[in-house]
C-alpha atoms as a PDB file:
ATOM      1  CA  MET A   1       1.523   0.691  32.579  1.00  0.00           C
ATOM      2  CA  THR A   2       0.028  -2.652  31.182  1.00  0.00           C
ATOM      3  CA  LEU A   3      -0.227  -3.140  27.770  1.00  0.00           C
ATOM      4  CA  THR A   4      -3.095  -5.614  27.505  1.00  0.00           C
ATOM      5  CA  ALA A   5      -6.454  -6.134  29.284  1.00  0.00           C
ATOM      6  CA  PRO A   6      -6.403  -7.719  32.598  1.00  0.00           C
ATOM      7  CA  ASP A   7      -6.978 -11.259  31.752  1.00  0.00           C
ATOM      8  CA  ALA A   8      -5.130 -11.172  28.385  1.00  0.00           C
ATOM      9  CA  PRO A   9      -1.348 -12.580  27.707  1.00  0.00           C
ATOM     10  CA  ALA A  10       1.263  -9.906  28.726  1.00  0.00           C
ATOM     11  CA  LEU A  11       3.082  -8.256  25.795  1.00  0.00           C
ATOM     12  CA  SER A  12       6.708  -8.213  25.795  1.00  0.00           C
ATOM     13  CA  PRO A  13       9.005  -5.525  23.665  1.00  0.00           C
ATOM     14  CA  GLU A  14      11.410  -8.202  23.379  1.00  0.00           C
ATOM     15  CA  ASP A  15       8.763 -10.522  21.858  1.00  0.00           C
ATOM     16  CA  PRO A  16       6.779  -8.552  19.539  1.00  0.00           C
ATOM     17  CA  LEU A  17       3.460  -9.840  17.878  1.00  0.00           C
ATOM     18  CA  ILE A  18       3.510 -10.827  14.095  1.00  0.00           C
ATOM     19  CA  GLY A  19       1.650  -7.760  13.413  1.00  0.00           C
ATOM     20  CA  ALA A  20       4.149  -5.476  14.838  1.00  0.00           C
ATOM     21  CA  LEU A  21       6.881  -7.388  13.063  1.00  0.00           C
ATOM     22  CA  LEU A  22       5.085  -7.067   9.660  1.00  0.00           C
ATOM     23  CA  ARG A  23       3.829  -3.272  10.258  1.00  0.00           C
ATOM     24  CA  ALA A  24       7.422  -2.064  11.035  1.00  0.00           C
ATOM     25  CA  PRO A  25       9.193  -2.856   7.753  1.00  0.00           C
ATOM     26  CA  ALA A  26       5.837  -1.902   5.782  1.00  0.00           C
ATOM     27  CA  GLN A  27       5.853   1.466   7.162  1.00  0.00           C
ATOM     28  CA  ALA A  28       9.687   1.904   6.296  1.00  0.00           C
ATOM     29  CA  ILE A  29       8.957   0.618   2.572  1.00  0.00           C
ATOM     30  CA  HIS A  30       6.253   3.335   2.482  1.00  0.00           C
ATOM     31  CA  ARG A  31       8.366   6.095   3.900  1.00  0.00           C
ATOM     32  CA  ARG A  32      10.807   5.039   1.358  1.00  0.00           C
ATOM     33  CA  VAL A  33       8.627   4.945  -1.574  1.00  0.00           C
ATOM     34  CA  ILE A  34       7.339   8.442  -0.533  1.00  0.00           C
ATOM     35  CA  ARG A  35      10.824  10.045  -0.018  1.00  0.00           C
ATOM     36  CA  GLU A  36      12.101   8.730  -3.714  1.00  0.00           C
ATOM     37  CA  LEU A  37       8.501   9.870  -5.357  1.00  0.00           C
ATOM     38  CA  ASN A  38       9.149  13.174  -3.944  1.00  0.00           C
ATOM     39  CA  ALA A  39      12.657  13.130  -5.064  1.00  0.00           C
ATOM     40  CA  ALA A  40      11.565  12.395  -8.659  1.00  0.00           C
ATOM     41  CA  GLY A  41       9.261  15.088  -8.996  1.00  0.00           C
ATOM     42  CA  PHE A  42       5.978  13.593  -7.685  1.00  0.00           C
ATOM     43  CA  ASP A  43       6.230  16.211  -4.893  1.00  0.00           C
ATOM     44  CA  GLU A  44       2.587  16.190  -3.884  1.00  0.00           C
ATOM     45  CA  LEU A  45       2.559  12.504  -2.951  1.00  0.00           C
ATOM     46  CA  ARG A  46       2.322  11.693   0.767  1.00  0.00           C
ATOM     47  CA  LEU A  47       1.985   8.649   3.086  1.00  0.00           C
ATOM     48  CA  PRO A  48      -1.860   8.987   3.343  1.00  0.00           C
ATOM     49  CA  HIS A  49      -1.787   8.268  -0.693  1.00  0.00           C
ATOM     50  CA  ILE A  50      -0.028   4.964  -0.124  1.00  0.00           C
ATOM     51  CA  PRO A  51      -3.262   3.055   0.164  1.00  0.00           C
ATOM     52  CA  VAL A  52      -4.386   4.101  -3.119  1.00  0.00           C
ATOM     53  CA  LEU A  53      -1.285   3.787  -4.719  1.00  0.00           C
ATOM     54  CA  GLN A  54      -0.142   0.568  -3.508  1.00  0.00           C
ATOM     55  CA  TYR A  55      -0.123  -2.747  -5.262  1.00  0.00           C
ATOM     56  CA  PRO A  56      -1.975  -3.701  -7.382  1.00  0.00           C
ATOM     57  CA  GLY A  57      -2.920   0.155  -7.959  1.00  0.00           C
ATOM     58  CA  PRO A  58      -6.471   1.441  -8.422  1.00  0.00           C
ATOM     59  CA  ASP A  59      -6.461   1.735 -12.056  1.00  0.00           C
ATOM     60  CA  GLY A  60     -10.014   0.221 -13.495  1.00  0.00           C
ATOM     61  CA  VAL A  61     -11.160  -0.150  -9.947  1.00  0.00           C
ATOM     62  CA  ARG A  62     -14.479   1.473  -8.702  1.00  0.00           C
ATOM     63  CA  PRO A  63     -13.767   3.915  -5.312  1.00  0.00           C
ATOM     64  CA  ALA A  64     -16.020   1.372  -3.317  1.00  0.00           C
ATOM     65  CA  ALA A  65     -14.160  -1.571  -4.019  1.00  0.00           C
ATOM     66  CA  LEU A  66     -10.888   0.415  -3.694  1.00  0.00           C
ATOM     67  CA  ALA A  67     -12.430   1.218  -0.215  1.00  0.00           C
ATOM     68  CA  GLU A  68     -13.004  -2.436   0.558  1.00  0.00           C
ATOM     69  CA  ARG A  69      -9.686  -3.665  -0.548  1.00  0.00           C
ATOM     70  CA  VAL A  70      -7.605  -1.081   1.662  1.00  0.00           C
ATOM     71  CA  GLY A  71      -9.998  -1.197   4.722  1.00  0.00           C
ATOM     72  CA  MET A  72     -10.953   2.249   4.425  1.00  0.00           C
ATOM     73  CA  SER A  73     -14.402   3.908   4.450  1.00  0.00           C
ATOM     74  CA  LYS A  74     -15.858   5.327   1.330  1.00  0.00           C
ATOM     75  CA  GLN A  75     -15.716   8.791   2.567  1.00  0.00           C
ATOM     76  CA  ALA A  76     -12.012   8.471   3.257  1.00  0.00           C
ATOM     77  CA  ILE A  77     -10.823   6.885   0.046  1.00  0.00           C
ATOM     78  CA  ASN A  78     -12.922   9.504  -2.031  1.00  0.00           C
ATOM     79  CA  GLN A  79     -11.093  12.362   0.049  1.00  0.00           C
ATOM     80  CA  LEU A  80      -7.753  10.601  -1.126  1.00  0.00           C
ATOM     81  CA  LEU A  81      -9.258  10.158  -4.648  1.00  0.00           C
ATOM     82  CA  ARG A  82     -10.007  13.948  -4.598  1.00  0.00           C
ATOM     83  CA  SER A  83      -6.651  14.722  -3.618  1.00  0.00           C
ATOM     84  CA  LEU A  84      -5.184  12.692  -6.202  1.00  0.00           C
ATOM     85  CA  GLU A  85      -7.443  14.065  -8.931  1.00  0.00           C
ATOM     86  CA  GLY A  86      -6.501  17.609  -7.979  1.00  0.00           C
ATOM     87  CA  PHE A  87      -2.749  16.699  -8.309  1.00  0.00           C
ATOM     88  CA  GLY A  88      -3.324  15.116 -11.937  1.00  0.00           C
ATOM     89  CA  TYR A  89      -2.820  11.427 -10.704  1.00  0.00           C
ATOM     90  CA  LEU A  90      -6.051   9.983 -11.527  1.00  0.00           C
ATOM     91  CA  VAL A  91      -9.397  10.607 -12.899  1.00  0.00           C
ATOM     92  CA  ARG A  92     -12.944   9.158 -11.903  1.00  0.00           C
ATOM     93  CA  SER A  93     -15.152   8.566 -14.704  1.00  0.00           C
ATOM     94  CA  ASN A  94     -18.734   7.127 -15.294  1.00  0.00           C
ATOM     95  CA  VAL A  95     -18.626   3.279 -16.289  1.00  0.00           C
ATOM     96  CA  GLU A  96     -20.236   2.951 -19.889  1.00  0.00           C
ATOM     97  CA  GLY A  97     -23.658   1.703 -19.461  1.00  0.00           C
ATOM     98  CA  ASP A  98     -24.001   2.161 -15.917  1.00  0.00           C
ATOM     99  CA  GLY A  99     -24.659   5.992 -15.381  1.00  0.00           C
ATOM    100  CA  SER A 100     -24.280   5.996 -11.542  1.00  0.00           C
ATOM    101  CA  ALA A 101     -20.943   3.638 -11.464  1.00  0.00           C
ATOM    102  CA  ARG A 102     -17.602   5.145 -11.580  1.00  0.00           C
ATOM    103  CA  VAL A 103     -14.396   3.863 -12.228  1.00  0.00           C
ATOM    104  CA  ILE A 104     -10.702   4.943 -11.424  1.00  0.00           C
ATOM    105  CA  ARG A 105      -8.455   5.562 -14.226  1.00  0.00           C
ATOM    106  CA  PHE A 106      -4.684   6.694 -14.061  1.00  0.00           C
ATOM    107  CA  THR A 107      -3.639   9.803 -15.986  1.00  0.00           C
ATOM    108  CA  GLU A 108      -0.090   9.690 -17.658  1.00  0.00           C
ATOM    109  CA  ARG A 109       1.059  11.325 -14.541  1.00  0.00           C
ATOM    110  CA  GLY A 110      -0.324   8.630 -12.430  1.00  0.00           C
ATOM    111  CA  HIS A 111       1.051   5.864 -14.739  1.00  0.00           C
ATOM    112  CA  ALA A 112       4.265   7.533 -14.583  1.00  0.00           C
ATOM    113  CA  ALA A 113       4.319   7.837 -10.693  1.00  0.00           C
ATOM    114  CA  PHE A 114       3.267   3.893 -10.534  1.00  0.00           C
ATOM    115  CA  ARG A 115       5.937   2.915 -12.749  1.00  0.00           C
ATOM    116  CA  LYS A 116       8.159   4.788 -10.259  1.00  0.00           C
ATOM    117  CA  ILE A 117       6.567   2.851  -7.434  1.00  0.00           C
ATOM    118  CA  VAL A 118       7.158  -0.615  -8.752  1.00  0.00           C
ATOM    119  CA  GLU A 119      10.758   0.565  -9.796  1.00  0.00           C
ATOM    120  CA  ILE A 120      11.280   1.531  -5.969  1.00  0.00           C
ATOM    121  CA  GLN A 121       9.860  -1.603  -4.885  1.00  0.00           C
ATOM    122  CA  HIS A 122      12.267  -3.699  -6.890  1.00  0.00           C
ATOM    123  CA  ALA A 123      15.091  -1.977  -5.435  1.00  0.00           C
ATOM    124  CA  VAL A 124      13.700  -2.561  -1.991  1.00  0.00           C
ATOM    125  CA  GLU A 125      13.700  -6.155  -2.690  1.00  0.00           C
ATOM    126  CA  ARG A 126      17.353  -5.927  -4.063  1.00  0.00           C
ATOM    127  CA  ASP A 127      18.492  -4.358  -1.005  1.00  0.00           C
ATOM    128  CA  TRP A 128      16.712  -7.003   1.230  1.00  0.00           C
ATOM    129  CA  ARG A 129      18.014  -9.723  -0.561  1.00  0.00           C
ATOM    130  CA  ASP A 130      21.611  -8.340  -0.370  1.00  0.00           C
ATOM    131  CA  GLU A 131      21.093  -7.379   3.497  1.00  0.00           C
ATOM    132  CA  LEU A 132      19.537 -11.089   4.207  1.00  0.00           C
ATOM    133  CA  GLY A 133      21.256 -13.149   1.731  1.00  0.00           C
ATOM    134  CA  GLU A 134      19.660 -15.138  -1.258  1.00  0.00           C
ATOM    135  CA  ALA A 135      18.422 -18.241   0.628  1.00  0.00           C
ATOM    136  CA  ASP A 136      16.926 -16.084   3.877  1.00  0.00           C
ATOM    137  CA  PHE A 137      15.486 -13.660   1.249  1.00  0.00           C
ATOM    138  CA  ALA A 138      13.698 -16.518  -0.712  1.00  0.00           C
ATOM    139  CA  VAL A 139      12.454 -18.112   2.392  1.00  0.00           C
ATOM    140  CA  LEU A 140      11.074 -14.910   3.954  1.00  0.00           C
ATOM    141  CA  LYS A 141       9.179 -14.311   0.416  1.00  0.00           C
ATOM    142  CA  ARG A 142       7.847 -17.906   0.107  1.00  0.00           C
ATOM    143  CA  VAL A 143       6.664 -17.325   3.997  1.00  0.00           C
ATOM    144  CA  LEU A 144       4.929 -14.104   3.110  1.00  0.00           C
ATOM    145  CA  MET A 145       3.273 -15.245  -0.025  1.00  0.00           C
ATOM    146  CA  ARG A 146       1.923 -18.081   2.065  1.00  0.00           C
ATOM    147  CA  ALA A 147       0.309 -15.938   4.601  1.00  0.00           C
ATOM    148  CA  TRP A 148      -0.671 -13.393   1.807  1.00  0.00           C
ATOM    149  CA  GLY A 149      -2.753 -16.441   0.292  1.00  0.00           C
ATOM    150  CA  HIS A 150      -4.171 -17.271   3.827  1.00  0.00           C
ATOM    151  CA  ALA A 151      -4.811 -13.424   4.548  1.00  0.00           C
ATOM    152  CA  LYS A 152      -6.912 -13.258   1.017  1.00  0.00           C
ATOM    153  CA  LEU A 153      -8.973 -16.176   1.946  1.00  0.00           C
ATOM    154  CA  GLY A 154      -9.656 -15.048   5.655  1.00  0.00           C
END
């Protein structure tokens, strides 16, 4: 079975592309965040909610801007927002002075969940620092910060 188009370079499981190398740890972090959120009493949250709740969070953002930021359709993001509204994590309200515009606001429960997410993310960083060592972790974070800046420009 070929993994690529006939005239594209072959892919090798021994030499994964950068997208896979970035995706696997991100998915592991997302699973940990949800597992620990659930254990902390935020039982309704699931992996599909991650795009809404991930850094920097949706508080104060318009739904269309959030959809663009996370690379989802407006319909998909609104479905997730409805779900999170129903669970009491956020509300969407009209923007003062612009009757047609809506903005997302965390509820008290939403702020609590987001604080827990940040706490979990700090624990992930401590674990990775312990696993990789201080020097390698610093290099990894510095390189990812450069890549993040480049991705924001692209």
